[in-house]
N, C-alpha and C. Protein backbone atom coordinates (compact mmCIF):
# COMPACT_ATOMS: atom_id res chain seq x y z
N MET A 1 -5.43 -5.18 -97.47
CA MET A 1 -6.67 -4.60 -97.94
C MET A 1 -7.84 -5.42 -97.38
N ARG A 2 -8.89 -4.73 -97.01
CA ARG A 2 -10.07 -5.39 -96.45
C ARG A 2 -10.86 -6.12 -97.53
N ASP A 3 -11.43 -7.23 -97.17
CA ASP A 3 -12.34 -7.96 -98.04
C ASP A 3 -13.68 -7.21 -98.06
N LEU A 4 -14.18 -6.89 -99.24
CA LEU A 4 -15.39 -6.09 -99.37
C LEU A 4 -16.60 -6.76 -98.72
N ALA A 5 -16.78 -8.06 -98.93
CA ALA A 5 -17.92 -8.77 -98.35
C ALA A 5 -17.84 -8.78 -96.82
N GLU A 6 -16.64 -9.02 -96.30
CA GLU A 6 -16.46 -9.00 -94.84
C GLU A 6 -16.73 -7.61 -94.28
N SER A 7 -16.27 -6.59 -94.99
CA SER A 7 -16.51 -5.21 -94.54
C SER A 7 -17.99 -4.90 -94.54
N PHE A 8 -18.68 -5.31 -95.59
CA PHE A 8 -20.12 -5.07 -95.67
C PHE A 8 -20.83 -5.72 -94.48
N ASP A 9 -20.51 -6.99 -94.22
CA ASP A 9 -21.12 -7.69 -93.09
C ASP A 9 -20.82 -7.00 -91.77
N ALA A 10 -19.59 -6.54 -91.61
CA ALA A 10 -19.21 -5.85 -90.37
C ALA A 10 -19.97 -4.54 -90.22
N VAL A 11 -20.11 -3.80 -91.30
CA VAL A 11 -20.86 -2.53 -91.26
C VAL A 11 -22.30 -2.79 -90.87
N VAL A 12 -22.90 -3.81 -91.43
CA VAL A 12 -24.28 -4.16 -91.07
C VAL A 12 -24.38 -4.48 -89.58
N ARG A 13 -23.44 -5.25 -89.06
CA ARG A 13 -23.44 -5.59 -87.63
C ARG A 13 -23.30 -4.33 -86.76
N ILE A 14 -22.40 -3.44 -87.15
CA ILE A 14 -22.18 -2.21 -86.38
C ILE A 14 -23.46 -1.38 -86.35
N VAL A 15 -24.06 -1.18 -87.50
CA VAL A 15 -25.26 -0.35 -87.59
C VAL A 15 -26.42 -1.00 -86.83
N ASN A 16 -26.60 -2.30 -87.00
CA ASN A 16 -27.71 -2.98 -86.34
C ASN A 16 -27.57 -3.02 -84.82
N SER A 17 -26.35 -3.01 -84.32
CA SER A 17 -26.15 -3.08 -82.87
C SER A 17 -26.12 -1.69 -82.22
N ALA A 18 -26.09 -0.65 -83.01
CA ALA A 18 -26.01 0.72 -82.46
C ALA A 18 -27.37 1.16 -81.93
N SER A 19 -27.33 1.96 -80.88
CA SER A 19 -28.57 2.48 -80.29
C SER A 19 -29.07 3.73 -81.01
N GLY A 20 -28.28 4.26 -81.92
CA GLY A 20 -28.67 5.45 -82.67
C GLY A 20 -27.63 5.77 -83.72
N PHE A 21 -27.91 6.78 -84.55
CA PHE A 21 -27.00 7.09 -85.65
C PHE A 21 -25.65 7.60 -85.18
N GLU A 22 -25.60 8.30 -84.03
CA GLU A 22 -24.31 8.79 -83.55
C GLU A 22 -23.41 7.64 -83.12
N GLN A 23 -23.99 6.65 -82.44
CA GLN A 23 -23.21 5.48 -82.04
C GLN A 23 -22.80 4.67 -83.27
N ALA A 24 -23.68 4.58 -84.26
CA ALA A 24 -23.35 3.86 -85.49
C ALA A 24 -22.20 4.55 -86.21
N TRP A 25 -22.25 5.86 -86.34
CA TRP A 25 -21.19 6.62 -87.02
C TRP A 25 -19.86 6.42 -86.30
N SER A 26 -19.89 6.53 -84.98
CA SER A 26 -18.67 6.34 -84.18
C SER A 26 -18.13 4.92 -84.36
N GLY A 27 -19.01 3.94 -84.39
CA GLY A 27 -18.59 2.55 -84.59
C GLY A 27 -17.98 2.33 -85.96
N LEU A 28 -18.55 2.97 -86.97
CA LEU A 28 -18.00 2.84 -88.33
C LEU A 28 -16.61 3.47 -88.41
N ILE A 29 -16.46 4.62 -87.81
CA ILE A 29 -15.14 5.27 -87.80
C ILE A 29 -14.12 4.37 -87.12
N GLN A 30 -14.48 3.82 -85.98
CA GLN A 30 -13.56 2.94 -85.25
C GLN A 30 -13.21 1.71 -86.08
N PHE A 31 -14.18 1.16 -86.79
CA PHE A 31 -13.95 -0.02 -87.62
C PHE A 31 -12.88 0.25 -88.68
N PHE A 32 -12.86 1.46 -89.21
CA PHE A 32 -11.93 1.78 -90.29
C PHE A 32 -10.61 2.41 -89.83
N VAL A 33 -10.38 2.46 -88.52
CA VAL A 33 -9.15 3.05 -88.00
C VAL A 33 -7.91 2.39 -88.60
N ASP A 34 -7.92 1.08 -88.79
CA ASP A 34 -6.75 0.36 -89.32
C ASP A 34 -6.63 0.47 -90.83
N THR A 35 -7.66 0.93 -91.50
CA THR A 35 -7.68 0.98 -92.97
C THR A 35 -7.37 2.37 -93.51
N LEU A 36 -7.86 3.38 -92.83
CA LEU A 36 -7.74 4.74 -93.34
C LEU A 36 -6.66 5.52 -92.59
N PRO A 37 -6.04 6.48 -93.26
CA PRO A 37 -5.01 7.30 -92.60
C PRO A 37 -5.58 8.07 -91.41
N PRO A 38 -4.75 8.34 -90.41
CA PRO A 38 -5.21 9.07 -89.23
C PRO A 38 -5.89 10.40 -89.57
N ARG A 39 -5.36 11.12 -90.57
CA ARG A 39 -5.98 12.42 -90.89
C ARG A 39 -7.39 12.24 -91.45
N THR A 40 -7.64 11.13 -92.16
CA THR A 40 -8.98 10.85 -92.66
C THR A 40 -9.91 10.52 -91.50
N ILE A 41 -9.43 9.70 -90.58
CA ILE A 41 -10.22 9.36 -89.39
C ILE A 41 -10.55 10.64 -88.62
N ASP A 42 -9.57 11.50 -88.44
CA ASP A 42 -9.80 12.76 -87.72
C ASP A 42 -10.84 13.61 -88.44
N THR A 43 -10.80 13.64 -89.76
CA THR A 43 -11.78 14.40 -90.54
C THR A 43 -13.17 13.82 -90.36
N LEU A 44 -13.29 12.50 -90.42
CA LEU A 44 -14.60 11.87 -90.25
C LEU A 44 -15.17 12.14 -88.87
N LYS A 45 -14.30 12.24 -87.87
CA LYS A 45 -14.75 12.53 -86.50
C LYS A 45 -15.34 13.94 -86.38
N THR A 46 -14.99 14.84 -87.31
CA THR A 46 -15.52 16.21 -87.24
C THR A 46 -16.93 16.33 -87.80
N VAL A 47 -17.41 15.31 -88.49
CA VAL A 47 -18.75 15.38 -89.08
C VAL A 47 -19.78 15.41 -87.94
N ALA A 48 -20.62 16.42 -87.98
CA ALA A 48 -21.72 16.52 -87.02
C ALA A 48 -22.86 15.65 -87.54
N ILE A 49 -22.78 14.36 -87.25
CA ILE A 49 -23.70 13.40 -87.86
C ILE A 49 -25.15 13.68 -87.48
N GLY A 50 -25.38 14.14 -86.28
CA GLY A 50 -26.75 14.49 -85.88
C GLY A 50 -27.33 15.59 -86.75
N GLU A 51 -26.52 16.62 -87.01
CA GLU A 51 -26.96 17.71 -87.89
C GLU A 51 -27.17 17.22 -89.32
N ASP A 52 -26.30 16.31 -89.76
CA ASP A 52 -26.42 15.78 -91.12
C ASP A 52 -27.71 14.97 -91.27
N VAL A 53 -27.99 14.11 -90.31
CA VAL A 53 -29.22 13.32 -90.35
C VAL A 53 -30.43 14.24 -90.36
N SER A 54 -30.42 15.27 -89.52
CA SER A 54 -31.53 16.22 -89.48
C SER A 54 -31.69 16.95 -90.81
N SER A 55 -30.58 17.32 -91.41
CA SER A 55 -30.61 18.01 -92.70
C SER A 55 -31.21 17.12 -93.79
N VAL A 56 -30.77 15.88 -93.86
CA VAL A 56 -31.30 14.95 -94.87
C VAL A 56 -32.79 14.73 -94.62
N ARG A 57 -33.18 14.60 -93.36
CA ARG A 57 -34.59 14.41 -93.01
C ARG A 57 -35.42 15.62 -93.49
N ARG A 58 -34.92 16.84 -93.23
CA ARG A 58 -35.65 18.04 -93.66
C ARG A 58 -35.77 18.09 -95.18
N GLN A 59 -34.69 17.73 -95.89
CA GLN A 59 -34.75 17.70 -97.35
C GLN A 59 -35.80 16.71 -97.83
N LEU A 60 -35.86 15.55 -97.21
CA LEU A 60 -36.83 14.53 -97.60
C LEU A 60 -38.26 14.99 -97.29
N GLU A 61 -38.47 15.58 -96.13
CA GLU A 61 -39.80 16.09 -95.77
C GLU A 61 -40.25 17.16 -96.75
N ARG A 62 -39.33 18.04 -97.13
CA ARG A 62 -39.65 19.10 -98.10
C ARG A 62 -40.02 18.49 -99.45
N LEU A 63 -39.26 17.50 -99.88
CA LEU A 63 -39.54 16.83 -101.15
C LEU A 63 -40.93 16.19 -101.12
N LEU A 64 -41.24 15.48 -100.04
CA LEU A 64 -42.54 14.82 -99.95
C LEU A 64 -43.70 15.80 -99.90
N THR A 65 -43.45 17.01 -99.41
CA THR A 65 -44.47 18.05 -99.39
C THR A 65 -44.63 18.70 -100.76
N LEU A 66 -43.51 19.03 -101.40
CA LEU A 66 -43.56 19.72 -102.69
C LEU A 66 -43.89 18.82 -103.87
N GLU A 67 -43.45 17.56 -103.80
CA GLU A 67 -43.68 16.61 -104.89
C GLU A 67 -44.18 15.28 -104.31
N PRO A 68 -45.37 15.29 -103.73
CA PRO A 68 -45.84 14.08 -103.05
C PRO A 68 -45.99 12.89 -104.00
N PRO A 69 -45.65 11.72 -103.51
CA PRO A 69 -45.82 10.51 -104.35
C PRO A 69 -47.29 10.11 -104.41
N ALA A 70 -47.63 9.37 -105.46
CA ALA A 70 -48.99 8.85 -105.59
C ALA A 70 -49.24 7.79 -104.52
N ARG A 71 -50.48 7.63 -104.13
CA ARG A 71 -50.82 6.62 -103.12
C ARG A 71 -50.56 5.21 -103.61
N ALA A 72 -50.47 5.01 -104.92
CA ALA A 72 -50.29 3.67 -105.47
C ALA A 72 -48.89 3.11 -105.24
N LEU A 73 -47.96 3.93 -104.77
CA LEU A 73 -46.60 3.44 -104.56
C LEU A 73 -46.58 2.39 -103.45
N ASN A 74 -45.79 1.36 -103.69
CA ASN A 74 -45.61 0.31 -102.69
C ASN A 74 -44.28 0.42 -101.98
N ALA A 75 -43.34 1.17 -102.55
CA ALA A 75 -42.02 1.26 -101.94
C ALA A 75 -41.32 2.54 -102.37
N LEU A 76 -40.54 3.07 -101.46
CA LEU A 76 -39.61 4.15 -101.78
C LEU A 76 -38.24 3.51 -101.90
N TYR A 77 -37.48 3.99 -102.85
CA TYR A 77 -36.14 3.46 -103.07
C TYR A 77 -35.14 4.57 -102.78
N PHE A 78 -34.24 4.32 -101.84
CA PHE A 78 -33.19 5.28 -101.49
C PHE A 78 -31.88 4.74 -102.05
N GLY A 79 -31.19 5.57 -102.79
CA GLY A 79 -29.92 5.16 -103.36
C GLY A 79 -28.85 6.20 -103.12
N LEU A 80 -27.67 5.89 -103.55
CA LEU A 80 -26.53 6.81 -103.48
C LEU A 80 -26.14 7.22 -104.88
N PHE A 81 -25.73 8.46 -105.04
CA PHE A 81 -25.16 8.86 -106.32
C PHE A 81 -23.79 9.47 -106.08
N ASP A 82 -22.93 9.29 -107.03
CA ASP A 82 -21.57 9.81 -107.02
C ASP A 82 -21.28 10.17 -108.46
N ALA A 83 -21.32 11.45 -108.78
CA ALA A 83 -21.27 11.85 -110.18
C ALA A 83 -20.33 13.03 -110.39
N ILE A 84 -20.01 13.23 -111.64
CA ILE A 84 -19.24 14.40 -112.07
C ILE A 84 -20.06 15.09 -113.14
N SER A 85 -20.32 16.37 -112.93
CA SER A 85 -21.11 17.14 -113.90
C SER A 85 -20.26 17.46 -115.12
N LEU A 86 -20.89 17.97 -116.15
CA LEU A 86 -20.17 18.31 -117.39
C LEU A 86 -19.08 19.35 -117.16
N ASP A 87 -19.27 20.20 -116.14
CA ASP A 87 -18.25 21.21 -115.84
C ASP A 87 -17.17 20.70 -114.88
N GLY A 88 -17.21 19.39 -114.57
CA GLY A 88 -16.17 18.78 -113.75
C GLY A 88 -16.42 18.80 -112.26
N LYS A 89 -17.54 19.34 -111.83
CA LYS A 89 -17.85 19.42 -110.40
C LYS A 89 -18.32 18.05 -109.91
N GLU A 90 -17.68 17.58 -108.82
CA GLU A 90 -18.07 16.30 -108.25
C GLU A 90 -19.22 16.48 -107.27
N GLU A 91 -20.18 15.58 -107.35
CA GLU A 91 -21.34 15.61 -106.47
C GLU A 91 -21.54 14.23 -105.86
N ILE A 92 -22.04 14.21 -104.65
CA ILE A 92 -22.36 12.95 -103.99
C ILE A 92 -23.55 13.19 -103.07
N GLY A 93 -24.37 12.19 -102.91
CA GLY A 93 -25.52 12.33 -102.03
C GLY A 93 -26.44 11.13 -102.15
N TYR A 94 -27.65 11.33 -101.67
CA TYR A 94 -28.68 10.30 -101.75
C TYR A 94 -29.69 10.73 -102.81
N TYR A 95 -30.47 9.78 -103.29
CA TYR A 95 -31.62 10.10 -104.10
C TYR A 95 -32.77 9.19 -103.68
N VAL A 96 -33.98 9.63 -103.97
CA VAL A 96 -35.16 8.85 -103.61
C VAL A 96 -36.11 8.81 -104.80
N THR A 97 -36.62 7.63 -105.07
CA THR A 97 -37.66 7.43 -106.09
C THR A 97 -38.68 6.47 -105.49
N GLY A 98 -39.76 6.24 -106.24
CA GLY A 98 -40.78 5.32 -105.75
C GLY A 98 -41.27 4.40 -106.84
N VAL A 99 -41.72 3.22 -106.43
CA VAL A 99 -42.22 2.23 -107.38
C VAL A 99 -43.57 1.69 -106.92
N GLU A 100 -44.37 1.29 -107.90
CA GLU A 100 -45.65 0.66 -107.60
C GLU A 100 -45.49 -0.85 -107.45
N HIS A 101 -44.48 -1.40 -108.10
CA HIS A 101 -44.24 -2.84 -108.00
C HIS A 101 -42.79 -3.14 -108.34
N PHE A 102 -42.38 -4.34 -108.02
CA PHE A 102 -41.04 -4.82 -108.32
C PHE A 102 -41.11 -5.79 -109.49
N GLU A 103 -40.07 -5.81 -110.31
CA GLU A 103 -40.00 -6.79 -111.39
C GLU A 103 -39.87 -8.19 -110.82
N ASP A 104 -39.04 -8.34 -109.81
CA ASP A 104 -38.89 -9.59 -109.07
C ASP A 104 -38.40 -9.21 -107.68
N GLU A 105 -38.07 -10.16 -106.88
CA GLU A 105 -37.68 -9.88 -105.50
C GLU A 105 -36.47 -8.98 -105.38
N ASP A 106 -35.56 -9.05 -106.34
CA ASP A 106 -34.28 -8.37 -106.20
C ASP A 106 -34.07 -7.15 -107.08
N SER A 107 -35.05 -6.80 -107.88
CA SER A 107 -34.81 -5.65 -108.76
C SER A 107 -36.04 -4.76 -108.85
N LEU A 108 -35.77 -3.52 -109.10
CA LEU A 108 -36.83 -2.55 -109.27
C LEU A 108 -37.24 -2.46 -110.73
N CYS A 109 -38.50 -2.14 -110.93
CA CYS A 109 -38.91 -1.80 -112.29
C CYS A 109 -38.61 -0.31 -112.46
N ALA A 110 -39.00 0.26 -113.57
CA ALA A 110 -38.80 1.69 -113.78
C ALA A 110 -39.53 2.46 -112.69
N ALA A 111 -38.93 3.53 -112.23
CA ALA A 111 -39.53 4.32 -111.16
C ALA A 111 -40.85 4.94 -111.62
N ASP A 112 -41.87 4.83 -110.78
CA ASP A 112 -43.17 5.44 -111.06
C ASP A 112 -43.22 6.85 -110.49
N TRP A 113 -42.41 7.12 -109.50
CA TRP A 113 -42.30 8.45 -108.91
C TRP A 113 -40.83 8.83 -108.95
N CYS A 114 -40.51 9.80 -109.75
CA CYS A 114 -39.12 10.23 -109.93
C CYS A 114 -39.11 11.76 -109.86
N PRO A 115 -39.21 12.30 -108.66
CA PRO A 115 -39.36 13.75 -108.50
C PRO A 115 -38.11 14.54 -108.91
N GLU A 116 -38.35 15.75 -109.33
CA GLU A 116 -37.25 16.66 -109.71
C GLU A 116 -36.28 16.85 -108.55
N GLY A 117 -36.80 16.98 -107.35
CA GLY A 117 -35.97 17.26 -106.18
C GLY A 117 -35.47 16.02 -105.47
N ARG A 118 -35.30 14.91 -106.19
CA ARG A 118 -34.97 13.62 -105.57
C ARG A 118 -33.56 13.54 -105.00
N TYR A 119 -32.68 14.49 -105.34
CA TYR A 119 -31.30 14.42 -104.87
C TYR A 119 -31.17 15.12 -103.53
N LEU A 120 -30.68 14.38 -102.54
CA LEU A 120 -30.54 14.88 -101.18
C LEU A 120 -29.06 14.99 -100.85
N ARG A 121 -28.66 16.11 -100.28
CA ARG A 121 -27.25 16.36 -99.97
C ARG A 121 -26.92 15.93 -98.55
N SER A 122 -25.69 15.49 -98.36
CA SER A 122 -25.24 15.00 -97.06
C SER A 122 -23.81 15.45 -96.80
N GLN A 123 -23.60 16.09 -95.67
CA GLN A 123 -22.25 16.51 -95.30
C GLN A 123 -21.36 15.31 -95.02
N ALA A 124 -21.93 14.26 -94.44
CA ALA A 124 -21.14 13.05 -94.17
C ALA A 124 -20.62 12.46 -95.47
N LEU A 125 -21.48 12.36 -96.49
CA LEU A 125 -21.04 11.82 -97.77
C LEU A 125 -20.03 12.74 -98.45
N LYS A 126 -20.23 14.06 -98.33
CA LYS A 126 -19.26 15.00 -98.91
C LYS A 126 -17.89 14.84 -98.25
N THR A 127 -17.88 14.61 -96.95
CA THR A 127 -16.63 14.41 -96.23
C THR A 127 -15.94 13.13 -96.70
N LEU A 128 -16.72 12.07 -96.88
CA LEU A 128 -16.16 10.82 -97.39
C LEU A 128 -15.61 11.01 -98.81
N LYS A 129 -16.32 11.77 -99.64
CA LYS A 129 -15.86 12.03 -101.01
C LYS A 129 -14.56 12.82 -100.99
N LYS A 130 -14.48 13.80 -100.12
CA LYS A 130 -13.25 14.59 -100.01
C LYS A 130 -12.08 13.71 -99.57
N ALA A 131 -12.34 12.81 -98.62
CA ALA A 131 -11.29 11.89 -98.18
C ALA A 131 -10.87 10.98 -99.32
N GLU A 132 -11.83 10.51 -100.09
CA GLU A 132 -11.51 9.65 -101.24
C GLU A 132 -10.65 10.40 -102.25
N SER A 133 -11.02 11.63 -102.54
CA SER A 133 -10.30 12.43 -103.54
C SER A 133 -8.86 12.70 -103.14
N SER A 134 -8.60 12.76 -101.85
CA SER A 134 -7.23 13.06 -101.40
C SER A 134 -6.43 11.79 -101.11
N ALA A 135 -7.05 10.63 -101.24
CA ALA A 135 -6.38 9.37 -100.92
C ALA A 135 -5.47 8.92 -102.06
N SER A 136 -4.53 8.06 -101.71
CA SER A 136 -3.64 7.48 -102.72
C SER A 136 -3.32 6.05 -102.32
N GLY A 137 -2.71 5.32 -103.22
CA GLY A 137 -2.23 3.97 -102.94
C GLY A 137 -3.31 3.02 -102.47
N GLU A 138 -2.98 2.27 -101.42
CA GLU A 138 -3.88 1.24 -100.88
C GLU A 138 -5.19 1.86 -100.41
N THR A 139 -5.12 3.06 -99.81
CA THR A 139 -6.33 3.71 -99.33
C THR A 139 -7.24 4.06 -100.50
N ARG A 140 -6.68 4.52 -101.59
CA ARG A 140 -7.48 4.85 -102.77
C ARG A 140 -8.17 3.59 -103.31
N ARG A 141 -7.47 2.48 -103.33
CA ARG A 141 -8.06 1.22 -103.79
C ARG A 141 -9.21 0.81 -102.86
N PHE A 142 -9.09 1.10 -101.56
CA PHE A 142 -10.15 0.79 -100.62
C PHE A 142 -11.42 1.56 -101.00
N TYR A 143 -11.30 2.84 -101.28
CA TYR A 143 -12.47 3.64 -101.66
C TYR A 143 -13.06 3.17 -102.98
N ASP A 144 -12.23 2.76 -103.90
CA ASP A 144 -12.69 2.36 -105.23
C ASP A 144 -13.42 1.04 -105.22
N SER A 145 -13.25 0.22 -104.17
CA SER A 145 -13.90 -1.10 -104.16
C SER A 145 -15.33 -1.03 -103.74
């Protein structure tokens, strides 16, 4: 099993050294070849990452147009969500909020801008969620860490 801290550091190196999101995605897939089953790797290779990035960008642009943040914001916060609704439907994606200040260097205060449309959908994340849901054993533990 991979060490989570080492994996995080490796992912940062891969992304920082990539010339664009397609090269970063390809590098991430290659990094996990030894950890994930071949069918999962093959599934991840089918993600049209360029289309996904464009889709997330359009969702964010639409949100900023329909629910613009106040000028007083000092930072936008992008996070990940992985949830199950009351009817059992699994959802995964990004969310965005904004803050006027931070409580300290490492934590956010309550969001000052928390738009209704803050949840952004991603095909890449949905594919990862599907792979996680079908995983078992050591691979399942990898996703859970």
